[in-house]
């Protein structure tokens, strides 16, 4: 499955837009990560635990979006975007969305 942030597929022609596909996940912080992040904020630097958490969440959201596109027979997803936000204290959502398309064979 091609997953592209651009609105077309280089070298191919889009035959049909099949509609919006999306995937999301809500992840919570591990207490240990949260404590370490509090300490790290004092001295500065990357919060590697949070980076890992968001990378994992993006992968899950992307996989769910792809699964939705496969169910409707898409060849690619174009115009893919990601957004994230805090849902509740200690929990964030990562949301992936794009347009599923069928390519001319």
PDB file of N, CA and C in Angstrom:
ATOM      1  N   UNK A   1       0.854  -1.179   0.000  1.00  0.00           N
ATOM      2  CA  UNK A   1       0.000   0.000   0.000  1.00  0.00           C
ATOM      3  C   UNK A   1       0.893   1.233   0.000  1.00  0.00           C
ATOM      4  N   UNK A   2       0.721   2.083  -0.995  1.00  0.00           N
ATOM      5  CA  UNK A   2       1.430   3.351  -1.018  1.00  0.00           C
ATOM      6  C   UNK A   2       0.738   4.324  -0.069  1.00  0.00           C
ATOM      7  N   UNK A   3       1.519   4.964   0.776  1.00  0.00           N
ATOM      8  CA  UNK A   3       1.001   5.960   1.712  1.00  0.00           C
ATOM      9  C   UNK A   3       1.812   7.225   1.458  1.00  0.00           C
ATOM     10  N   UNK A   4       1.150   8.241   0.897  1.00  0.00           N
ATOM     11  CA  UNK A   4       1.847   9.445   0.447  1.00  0.00           C
ATOM     12  C   UNK A   4       1.250  10.709   1.042  1.00  0.00           C
ATOM     13  N   UNK A   5       2.114  11.649   1.366  1.00  0.00           N
ATOM     14  CA  UNK A   5       1.621  12.934   1.854  1.00  0.00           C
ATOM     15  C   UNK A   5       1.269  13.872   0.702  1.00  0.00           C
ATOM     16  N   UNK A   6       1.727  13.550  -0.496  1.00  0.00           N
ATOM     17  CA  UNK A   6       1.380  14.357  -1.668  1.00  0.00           C
ATOM     18  C   UNK A   6       0.019  13.924  -2.192  1.00  0.00           C
ATOM     19  N   UNK A   7      -0.568  14.718  -3.074  1.00  0.00           N
ATOM     20  CA  UNK A   7      -1.940  14.453  -3.518  1.00  0.00           C
ATOM     21  C   UNK A   7      -2.051  13.657  -4.806  1.00  0.00           C
ATOM     22  N   UNK A   8      -0.935  13.162  -5.300  1.00  0.00           N
ATOM     23  CA  UNK A   8      -0.978  12.308  -6.480  1.00  0.00           C
ATOM     24  C   UNK A   8       0.044  11.195  -6.310  1.00  0.00           C
ATOM     25  N   UNK A   9       0.064  10.277  -7.267  1.00  0.00           N
ATOM     26  CA  UNK A   9       1.003   9.161  -7.220  1.00  0.00           C
ATOM     27  C   UNK A   9       1.921   9.296  -8.427  1.00  0.00           C
ATOM     28  N   UNK A  10       3.171   9.686  -8.217  1.00  0.00           N
ATOM     29  CA  UNK A  10       4.088   9.849  -9.347  1.00  0.00           C
ATOM     30  C   UNK A  10       4.178   8.575 -10.194  1.00  0.00           C
ATOM     31  N   UNK A  11       4.045   8.749 -11.493  1.00  0.00           N
ATOM     32  CA  UNK A  11       4.132   7.621 -12.405  1.00  0.00           C
ATOM     33  C   UNK A  11       2.853   6.818 -12.538  1.00  0.00           C
ATOM     34  N   UNK A  12       1.802   7.232 -11.895  1.00  0.00           N
ATOM     35  CA  UNK A  12       0.522   6.512 -11.969  1.00  0.00           C
ATOM     36  C   UNK A  12      -0.601   7.533 -12.075  1.00  0.00           C
ATOM     37  N   UNK A  13      -1.732   7.041 -12.556  1.00  0.00           N
ATOM     38  CA  UNK A  13      -2.906   7.910 -12.679  1.00  0.00           C
ATOM     39  C   UNK A  13      -3.990   7.425 -11.722  1.00  0.00           C
ATOM     40  N   UNK A  14      -4.537   8.353 -10.968  1.00  0.00           N
ATOM     41  CA  UNK A  14      -5.635   8.015 -10.064  1.00  0.00           C
ATOM     42  C   UNK A  14      -6.902   7.849 -10.884  1.00  0.00           C
ATOM     43  N   UNK A  15      -7.504   6.672 -10.768  1.00  0.00           N
ATOM     44  CA  UNK A  15      -8.739   6.383 -11.493  1.00  0.00           C
ATOM     45  C   UNK A  15      -9.961   6.819 -10.699  1.00  0.00           C
ATOM     46  N   UNK A  16      -9.892   6.630  -9.380  1.00  0.00           N
ATOM     47  CA  UNK A  16     -11.064   6.936  -8.561  1.00  0.00           C
ATOM     48  C   UNK A  16     -10.644   7.238  -7.122  1.00  0.00           C
ATOM     49  N   UNK A  17     -11.246   8.269  -6.562  1.00  0.00           N
ATOM     50  CA  UNK A  17     -11.086   8.553  -5.134  1.00  0.00           C
ATOM     51  C   UNK A  17     -12.137   7.739  -4.399  1.00  0.00           C
ATOM     52  N   UNK A  18     -11.701   6.927  -3.457  1.00  0.00           N
ATOM     53  CA  UNK A  18     -12.614   6.030  -2.756  1.00  0.00           C
ATOM     54  C   UNK A  18     -13.124   6.615  -1.443  1.00  0.00           C
ATOM     55  N   UNK A  19     -12.519   7.703  -1.000  1.00  0.00           N
ATOM     56  CA  UNK A  19     -13.003   8.372   0.206  1.00  0.00           C
ATOM     57  C   UNK A  19     -11.971   8.444   1.309  1.00  0.00           C
ATOM     58  N   UNK A  20     -12.382   9.086   2.367  1.00  0.00           N
ATOM     59  CA  UNK A  20     -11.535   9.298   3.533  1.00  0.00           C
ATOM     60  C   UNK A  20     -11.291   7.985   4.263  1.00  0.00           C
ATOM     61  N   UNK A  21     -10.044   7.754   4.626  1.00  0.00           N
ATOM     62  CA  UNK A  21      -9.691   6.642   5.514  1.00  0.00           C
ATOM     63  C   UNK A  21      -8.943   7.235   6.697  1.00  0.00           C
ATOM     64  N   UNK A  22      -9.064   6.580   7.824  1.00  0.00           N
ATOM     65  CA  UNK A  22      -8.483   7.145   9.040  1.00  0.00           C
ATOM     66  C   UNK A  22      -8.108   6.049  10.016  1.00  0.00           C
ATOM     67  N   UNK A  23      -7.218   6.398  10.895  1.00  0.00           N
ATOM     68  CA  UNK A  23      -6.825   5.503  11.971  1.00  0.00           C
ATOM     69  C   UNK A  23      -6.434   6.343  13.160  1.00  0.00           C
ATOM     70  N   UNK A  24      -6.751   5.868  14.333  1.00  0.00           N
ATOM     71  CA  UNK A  24      -6.373   6.624  15.522  1.00  0.00           C
ATOM     72  C   UNK A  24      -6.038   5.673  16.662  1.00  0.00           C
ATOM     73  N   UNK A  25      -5.338   6.218  17.624  1.00  0.00           N
ATOM     74  CA  UNK A  25      -4.998   5.472  18.828  1.00  0.00           C
ATOM     75  C   UNK A  25      -4.851   6.474  19.964  1.00  0.00           C
ATOM     76  N   UNK A  26      -5.278   6.070  21.131  1.00  0.00           N
ATOM     77  CA  UNK A  26      -5.078   6.873  22.336  1.00  0.00           C
ATOM     78  C   UNK A  26      -4.081   6.106  23.200  1.00  0.00           C
ATOM     79  N   UNK A  27      -2.981   6.755  23.513  1.00  0.00           N
ATOM     80  CA  UNK A  27      -1.928   6.142  24.307  1.00  0.00           C
ATOM     81  C   UNK A  27      -1.817   6.880  25.635  1.00  0.00           C
ATOM     82  N   UNK A  28      -1.455   6.146  26.664  1.00  0.00           N
ATOM     83  CA  UNK A  28      -1.219   6.776  27.959  1.00  0.00           C
ATOM     84  C   UNK A  28       0.258   6.695  28.302  1.00  0.00           C
ATOM     85  N   UNK A  29       0.654   7.554  29.199  1.00  0.00           N
ATOM     86  CA  UNK A  29       2.041   7.576  29.651  1.00  0.00           C
ATOM     87  C   UNK A  29       2.253   6.505  30.715  1.00  0.00           C
ATOM     88  N   UNK A  30       3.411   5.930  30.697  1.00  0.00           N
ATOM     89  CA  UNK A  30       3.831   5.001  31.748  1.00  0.00           C
ATOM     90  C   UNK A  30       4.297   5.839  32.931  1.00  0.00           C
ATOM     91  N   UNK A  31       3.919   5.477  34.126  1.00  0.00           N
ATOM     92  CA  UNK A  31       4.264   6.256  35.317  1.00  0.00           C
ATOM     93  C   UNK A  31       5.769   6.483  35.401  1.00  0.00           C
ATOM     94  N   UNK A  32       6.551   5.471  35.099  1.00  0.00           N
ATOM     95  CA  UNK A  32       8.005   5.607  35.139  1.00  0.00           C
ATOM     96  C   UNK A  32       8.498   6.627  34.134  1.00  0.00           C
ATOM     97  N   UNK A  33       7.919   6.625  32.927  1.00  0.00           N
ATOM     98  CA  UNK A  33       8.287   7.610  31.913  1.00  0.00           C
ATOM     99  C   UNK A  33       7.938   9.013  32.382  1.00  0.00           C
ATOM    100  N   UNK A  34       6.776   9.122  33.015  1.00  0.00           N
ATOM    101  CA  UNK A  34       6.308  10.428  33.475  1.00  0.00           C
ATOM    102  C   UNK A  34       7.240  10.998  34.548  1.00  0.00           C
ATOM    103  N   UNK A  35       7.661  10.152  35.473  1.00  0.00           N
ATOM    104  CA  UNK A  35       8.584  10.601  36.513  1.00  0.00           C
ATOM    105  C   UNK A  35       9.921  11.018  35.912  1.00  0.00           C
ATOM    106  N   UNK A  36      10.427  10.200  34.993  1.00  0.00           N
ATOM    107  CA  UNK A  36      11.701  10.513  34.337  1.00  0.00           C
ATOM    108  C   UNK A  36      11.589  11.806  33.538  1.00  0.00           C
ATOM    109  N   UNK A  37      10.453  12.008  32.869  1.00  0.00           N
ATOM    110  CA  UNK A  37      10.244  13.228  32.086  1.00  0.00           C
ATOM    111  C   UNK A  37      10.261  14.459  32.980  1.00  0.00           C
ATOM    112  N   UNK A  38       9.688  14.333  34.167  1.00  0.00           N
ATOM    113  CA  UNK A  38       9.702  15.450  35.114  1.00  0.00           C
ATOM    114  C   UNK A  38      11.114  15.809  35.517  1.00  0.00           C
ATOM    115  N   UNK A  39      11.928  14.797  35.769  1.00  0.00           N
ATOM    116  CA  UNK A  39      13.329  15.043  36.117  1.00  0.00           C
ATOM    117  C   UNK A  39      14.096  15.611  34.930  1.00  0.00           C
ATOM    118  N   UNK A  40      13.833  15.082  33.748  1.00  0.00           N
ATOM    119  CA  UNK A  40      14.532  15.515  32.535  1.00  0.00           C
ATOM    120  C   UNK A  40      14.203  16.968  32.206  1.00  0.00           C
ATOM    121  N   UNK A  41      12.989  17.396  32.522  1.00  0.00           N
ATOM    122  CA  UNK A  41      12.604  18.775  32.206  1.00  0.00           C
ATOM    123  C   UNK A  41      13.419  19.783  33.012  1.00  0.00           C
ATOM    124  N   UNK A  42      13.972  19.350  34.111  1.00  0.00           N
ATOM    125  CA  UNK A  42      14.807  20.230  34.934  1.00  0.00           C
ATOM    126  C   UNK A  42      16.158  20.474  34.261  1.00  0.00           C
ATOM    127  N   UNK A  43      16.746  19.421  33.709  1.00  0.00           N
ATOM    128  CA  UNK A  43      18.078  19.538  33.106  1.00  0.00           C
ATOM    129  C   UNK A  43      18.038  19.738  31.597  1.00  0.00           C
ATOM    130  N   UNK A  44      16.913  19.489  30.975  1.00  0.00           N
ATOM    131  CA  UNK A  44      16.779  19.661  29.527  1.00  0.00           C
ATOM    132  C   UNK A  44      17.157  18.401  28.762  1.00  0.00           C
ATOM    133  N   UNK A  45      16.822  18.388  27.488  1.00  0.00           N
ATOM    134  CA  UNK A  45      17.144  17.252  26.626  1.00  0.00           C
ATOM    135  C   UNK A  45      15.894  16.562  26.124  1.00  0.00           C
ATOM    136  N   UNK A  46      16.128  15.610  25.233  1.00  0.00           N
ATOM    137  CA  UNK A  46      15.017  14.868  24.626  1.00  0.00           C
ATOM    138  C   UNK A  46      14.377  13.936  25.650  1.00  0.00           C
ATOM    139  N   UNK A  47      13.069  13.858  25.587  1.00  0.00           N
ATOM    140  CA  UNK A  47      12.319  12.910  26.410  1.00  0.00           C
ATOM    141  C   UNK A  47      12.115  11.653  25.571  1.00  0.00           C
ATOM    142  N   UNK A  48      13.130  10.791  25.560  1.00  0.00           N
ATOM    143  CA  UNK A  48      13.149   9.630  24.668  1.00  0.00           C
ATOM    144  C   UNK A  48      11.938   8.721  24.873  1.00  0.00           C
ATOM    145  N   UNK A  49      11.479   8.575  26.097  1.00  0.00           N
ATOM    146  CA  UNK A  49      10.302   7.739  26.351  1.00  0.00           C
ATOM    147  C   UNK A  49       9.073   8.250  25.637  1.00  0.00           C
ATOM    148  N   UNK A  50       8.902   9.570  25.620  1.00  0.00           N
ATOM    149  CA  UNK A  50       7.762  10.164  24.926  1.00  0.00           C
ATOM    150  C   UNK A  50       7.927  10.067  23.414  1.00  0.00           C
ATOM    151  N   UNK A  51       9.155  10.213  22.950  1.00  0.00           N
ATOM    152  CA  UNK A  51       9.418  10.060  21.515  1.00  0.00           C
ATOM    153  C   UNK A  51       9.025   8.658  21.067  1.00  0.00           C
ATOM    154  N   UNK A  52       9.433   7.659  21.823  1.00  0.00           N
ATOM    155  CA  UNK A  52       9.067   6.270  21.517  1.00  0.00           C
ATOM    156  C   UNK A  52       7.554   6.088  21.559  1.00  0.00           C
ATOM    157  N   UNK A  53       6.908   6.657  22.564  1.00  0.00           N
ATOM    158  CA  UNK A  53       5.460   6.551  22.709  1.00  0.00           C
ATOM    159  C   UNK A  53       4.746   7.111  21.483  1.00  0.00           C
ATOM    160  N   UNK A  54       5.157   8.299  21.016  1.00  0.00           N
ATOM    161  CA  UNK A  54       4.505   8.915  19.861  1.00  0.00           C
ATOM    162  C   UNK A  54       4.830   8.173  18.571  1.00  0.00           C
ATOM    163  N   UNK A  55       6.057   7.670  18.425  1.00  0.00           N
ATOM    164  CA  UNK A  55       6.398   6.882  17.234  1.00  0.00           C
ATOM    165  C   UNK A  55       5.548   5.619  17.159  1.00  0.00           C
ATOM    166  N   UNK A  56       5.399   4.949  18.284  1.00  0.00           N
ATOM    167  CA  UNK A  56       4.565   3.741  18.332  1.00  0.00           C
ATOM    168  C   UNK A  56       3.109   4.086  18.012  1.00  0.00           C
ATOM    169  N   UNK A  57       2.612   5.174  18.569  1.00  0.00           N
ATOM    170  CA  UNK A  57       1.233   5.585  18.323  1.00  0.00           C
ATOM    171  C   UNK A  57       1.021   5.913  16.844  1.00  0.00           C
ATOM    172  N   UNK A  58       1.987   6.599  16.209  1.00  0.00           N
ATOM    173  CA  UNK A  58       1.867   6.902  14.771  1.00  0.00           C
ATOM    174  C   UNK A  58       1.828   5.626  13.942  1.00  0.00           C
ATOM    175  N   UNK A  59       2.657   4.652  14.310  1.00  0.00           N
ATOM    176  CA  UNK A  59       2.667   3.381  13.581  1.00  0.00           C
ATOM    177  C   UNK A  59       1.325   2.663  13.696  1.00  0.00           C
ATOM    178  N   UNK A  60       0.759   2.655  14.871  1.00  0.00           N
ATOM    179  CA  UNK A  60      -0.543   2.002  15.078  1.00  0.00           C
ATOM    180  C   UNK A  60      -1.630   2.723  14.282  1.00  0.00           C
ATOM    181  N   UNK A  61      -1.663   4.056  14.366  1.00  0.00           N
ATOM    182  CA  UNK A  61      -2.672   4.829  13.641  1.00  0.00           C
ATOM    183  C   UNK A  61      -2.528   4.619  12.132  1.00  0.00           C
ATOM    184  N   UNK A  62      -1.292   4.590  11.644  1.00  0.00           N
ATOM    185  CA  UNK A  62      -1.054   4.368  10.216  1.00  0.00           C
ATOM    186  C   UNK A  62      -1.531   2.983   9.803  1.00  0.00           C
ATOM    187  N   UNK A  63      -1.208   1.968  10.605  1.00  0.00           N
ATOM    188  CA  UNK A  63      -1.634   0.598  10.289  1.00  0.00           C
ATOM    189  C   UNK A  63      -3.159   0.503  10.222  1.00  0.00           C
ATOM    190  N   UNK A  64      -3.846   1.154  11.139  1.00  0.00           N
ATOM    191  CA  UNK A  64      -5.315   1.116  11.142  1.00  0.00           C
ATOM    192  C   UNK A  64      -5.883   1.835   9.923  1.00  0.00           C
ATOM    193  N   UNK A  65      -5.250   2.931   9.516  1.00  0.00           N
ATOM    194  CA  UNK A  65      -5.689   3.643   8.319  1.00  0.00           C
ATOM    195  C   UNK A  65      -5.497   2.761   7.084  1.00  0.00           C
ATOM    196  N   UNK A  66      -4.365   2.094   6.986  1.00  0.00           N
ATOM    197  CA  UNK A  66      -4.086   1.207   5.852  1.00  0.00           C
ATOM    198  C   UNK A  66      -5.083   0.056   5.817  1.00  0.00           C
ATOM    199  N   UNK A  67      -5.380  -0.531   6.967  1.00  0.00           N
ATOM    200  CA  UNK A  67      -6.354  -1.632   7.023  1.00  0.00           C
ATOM    201  C   UNK A  67      -7.708  -1.178   6.503  1.00  0.00           C
ATOM    202  N   UNK A  68      -8.112   0.033   6.859  1.00  0.00           N
ATOM    203  CA  UNK A  68      -9.385   0.567   6.379  1.00  0.00           C
ATOM    204  C   UNK A  68      -9.354   0.740   4.858  1.00  0.00           C
ATOM    205  N   UNK A  69      -8.238   1.228   4.331  1.00  0.00           N
ATOM    206  CA  UNK A  69      -8.099   1.419   2.884  1.00  0.00           C
ATOM    207  C   UNK A  69      -8.117   0.084   2.145  1.00  0.00           C
ATOM    208  N   UNK A  70      -7.464  -0.918   2.706  1.00  0.00           N
ATOM    209  CA  UNK A  70      -7.454  -2.247   2.077  1.00  0.00           C
ATOM    210  C   UNK A  70      -8.854  -2.831   2.004  1.00  0.00           C
ATOM    211  N   UNK A  71      -9.665  -2.611   3.028  1.00  0.00           N
ATOM    212  CA  UNK A  71     -11.026  -3.142   3.055  1.00  0.00           C
ATOM    213  C   UNK A  71     -11.888  -2.589   1.929  1.00  0.00           C
ATOM    214  N   UNK A  72     -11.577  -1.378   1.455  1.00  0.00           N
ATOM    215  CA  UNK A  72     -12.385  -0.799   0.372  1.00  0.00           C
ATOM    216  C   UNK A  72     -11.689  -0.908  -0.982  1.00  0.00           C
ATOM    217  N   UNK A  73     -10.605  -1.683  -1.045  1.00  0.00           N
ATOM    218  CA  UNK A  73      -9.952  -1.968  -2.313  1.00  0.00           C
ATOM    219  C   UNK A  73      -9.015  -0.887  -2.833  1.00  0.00           C
ATOM    220  N   UNK A  74      -8.480  -0.077  -1.972  1.00  0.00           N
ATOM    221  CA  UNK A  74      -7.589   1.007  -2.400  1.00  0.00           C
ATOM    222  C   UNK A  74      -6.214   0.468  -2.787  1.00  0.00           C
ATOM    223  N   UNK A  75      -5.587   1.186  -3.716  1.00  0.00           N
ATOM    224  CA  UNK A  75      -4.206   0.893  -4.101  1.00  0.00           C
ATOM    225  C   UNK A  75      -3.228   1.811  -3.374  1.00  0.00           C
ATOM    226  N   UNK A  76      -3.698   2.965  -2.946  1.00  0.00           N
ATOM    227  CA  UNK A  76      -2.842   3.949  -2.309  1.00  0.00           C
ATOM    228  C   UNK A  76      -3.684   4.868  -1.428  1.00  0.00           C
ATOM    229  N   UNK A  77      -2.987   5.585  -0.565  1.00  0.00           N
ATOM    230  CA  UNK A  77      -3.610   6.637   0.242  1.00  0.00           C
ATOM    231  C   UNK A  77      -2.799   7.899  -0.017  1.00  0.00           C
ATOM    232  N   UNK A  78      -3.470   8.948  -0.469  1.00  0.00           N
ATOM    233  CA  UNK A  78      -2.787  10.206  -0.777  1.00  0.00           C
ATOM    234  C   UNK A  78      -3.245  11.296   0.191  1.00  0.00           C
ATOM    235  N   UNK A  79      -2.452  12.366   0.250  1.00  0.00           N
ATOM    236  CA  UNK A  79      -2.801  13.489   1.119  1.00  0.00           C
ATOM    237  C   UNK A  79      -2.801  13.133   2.590  1.00  0.00           C
ATOM    238  N   UNK A  80      -1.933  12.209   2.985  1.00  0.00           N
ATOM    239  CA  UNK A  80      -1.919  11.734   4.369  1.00  0.00           C
ATOM    240  C   UNK A  80      -1.428  12.836   5.310  1.00  0.00           C
ATOM    241  N   UNK A  81      -2.125  12.957   6.409  1.00  0.00           N
ATOM    242  CA  UNK A  81      -1.782  13.920   7.449  1.00  0.00           C
ATOM    243  C   UNK A  81      -1.885  13.244   8.812  1.00  0.00           C
ATOM    244  N   UNK A  82      -1.161  13.793   9.753  1.00  0.00           N
ATOM    245  CA  UNK A  82      -1.197  13.310  11.128  1.00  0.00           C
ATOM    246  C   UNK A  82      -1.522  14.479  12.039  1.00  0.00           C
ATOM    247  N   UNK A  83      -2.210  14.185  13.094  1.00  0.00           N
ATOM    248  CA  UNK A  83      -2.462  15.176  14.123  1.00  0.00           C
ATOM    249  C   UNK A  83      -2.403  14.463  15.472  1.00  0.00           C
ATOM    250  N   UNK A  84      -2.101  15.214  16.486  1.00  0.00           N
ATOM    251  CA  UNK A  84      -2.087  14.625  17.820  1.00  0.00           C
ATOM    252  C   UNK A  84      -2.546  15.672  18.819  1.00  0.00           C
ATOM    253  N   UNK A  85      -3.018  15.189  19.923  1.00  0.00           N
ATOM    254  CA  UNK A  85      -3.474  16.094  20.965  1.00  0.00           C
ATOM    255  C   UNK A  85      -3.689  15.346  22.258  1.00  0.00           C
ATOM    256  N   UNK A  86      -3.720  16.096  23.319  1.00  0.00           N
ATOM    257  CA  UNK A  86      -3.949  15.506  24.629  1.00  0.00           C
ATOM    258  C   UNK A  86      -5.449  15.342  24.836  1.00  0.00           C
ATOM    259  N   UNK A  87      -5.866  14.138  25.179  1.00  0.00           N
ATOM    260  CA  UNK A  87      -7.280  13.834  25.406  1.00  0.00           C
ATOM    261  C   UNK A  87      -7.626  14.079  26.868  1.00  0.00           C
ATOM    262  N   UNK A  88      -6.766  13.588  27.724  1.00  0.00           N
ATOM    263  CA  UNK A  88      -6.917  13.747  29.176  1.00  0.00           C
ATOM    264  C   UNK A  88      -5.509  13.830  29.738  1.00  0.00           C
ATOM    265  N   UNK A  89      -5.398  14.197  30.981  1.00  0.00           N
ATOM    266  CA  UNK A  89      -4.067  14.282  31.564  1.00  0.00           C
ATOM    267  C   UNK A  89      -3.385  12.915  31.482  1.00  0.00           C
ATOM    268  N   UNK A  90      -2.250  12.888  30.818  1.00  0.00           N
ATOM    269  CA  UNK A  90      -1.497  11.649  30.691  1.00  0.00           C
ATOM    270  C   UNK A  90      -1.895  10.787  29.513  1.00  0.00           C
ATOM    271  N   UNK A  91      -2.823  11.230  28.670  1.00  0.00           N
ATOM    272  CA  UNK A  91      -3.242  10.440  27.513  1.00  0.00           C
ATOM    273  C   UNK A  91      -3.298  11.323  26.271  1.00  0.00           C
ATOM    274  N   UNK A  92      -2.716  10.833  25.191  1.00  0.00           N
ATOM    275  CA  UNK A  92      -2.758  11.594  23.938  1.00  0.00           C
ATOM    276  C   UNK A  92      -3.320  10.718  22.821  1.00  0.00           C
ATOM    277  N   UNK A  93      -3.889  11.378  21.827  1.00  0.00           N
ATOM    278  CA  UNK A  93      -4.401  10.686  20.649  1.00  0.00           C
ATOM    279  C   UNK A  93      -3.534  11.060  19.466  1.00  0.00           C
ATOM    280  N   UNK A  94      -3.229  10.063  18.641  1.00  0.00           N
ATOM    281  CA  UNK A  94      -2.602  10.302  17.350  1.00  0.00           C
ATOM    282  C   UNK A  94      -3.615   9.853  16.302  1.00  0.00           C
ATOM    283  N   UNK A  95      -3.860  10.723  15.352  1.00  0.00           N
ATOM    284  CA  UNK A  95      -4.875  10.504  14.325  1.00  0.00           C
ATOM    285  C   UNK A  95      -4.215  10.630  12.959  1.00  0.00           C
ATOM    286  N   UNK A  96      -4.387   9.628  12.118  1.00  0.00           N
ATOM    287  CA  UNK A  96      -3.855   9.620  10.755  1.00  0.00           C
ATOM    288  C   UNK A  96      -5.035   9.592   9.793  1.00  0.00           C
ATOM    289  N   UNK A  97      -4.977  10.381   8.727  1.00  0.00           N
ATOM    290  CA  UNK A  97      -6.063  10.378   7.752  1.00  0.00           C
ATOM    291  C   UNK A  97      -5.545  10.747   6.370  1.00  0.00           C
ATOM    292  N   UNK A  98      -6.287  10.296   5.362  1.00  0.00           N
ATOM    293  CA  UNK A  98      -5.941  10.583   3.980  1.00  0.00           C
ATOM    294  C   UNK A  98      -7.058  10.121   3.074  1.00  0.00           C
ATOM    295  N   UNK A  99      -6.823  10.237   1.773  1.00  0.00           N
ATOM    296  CA  UNK A  99      -7.806   9.837   0.780  1.00  0.00           C
ATOM    297  C   UNK A  99      -7.377   8.529   0.129  1.00  0.00           C
ATOM    298  N   UNK A 100      -8.213   7.510   0.240  1.00  0.00           N
ATOM    299  CA  UNK A 100      -7.948   6.237  -0.408  1.00  0.00           C
ATOM    300  C   UNK A 100      -8.274   6.370  -1.888  1.00  0.00           C
ATOM    301  N   UNK A 101      -7.378   5.839  -2.731  1.00  0.00           N
ATOM    302  CA  UNK A 101      -7.587   5.937  -4.167  1.00  0.00           C
ATOM    303  C   UNK A 101      -7.334   4.599  -4.857  1.00  0.00           C
ATOM    304  N   UNK A 102      -8.003   4.440  -5.992  1.00  0.00           N
ATOM    305  CA  UNK A 102      -7.742   3.312  -6.883  1.00  0.00           C
ATOM    306  C   UNK A 102      -6.927   3.864  -8.049  1.00  0.00           C
ATOM    307  N   UNK A 103      -5.889   3.132  -8.434  1.00  0.00           N
ATOM    308  CA  UNK A 103      -5.029   3.566  -9.527  1.00  0.00           C
ATOM    309  C   UNK A 103      -5.421   2.890 -10.826  1.00  0.00           C
ATOM    310  N   UNK A 104      -5.232   3.612 -11.924  1.00  0.00           N
ATOM    311  CA  UNK A 104      -5.507   3.064 -13.250  1.00  0.00           C
ATOM    312  C   UNK A 104      -4.501   1.963 -13.506  1.00  0.00           C
ATOM    313  N   UNK A 105      -5.016   0.816 -13.916  1.00  0.00           N
ATOM    314  CA  UNK A 105      -4.156  -0.362 -14.168  1.00  0.00           C
ATOM    315  C   UNK A 105      -3.604  -0.344 -15.564  1.00  0.00           C
TER     316      UNK A 105
END
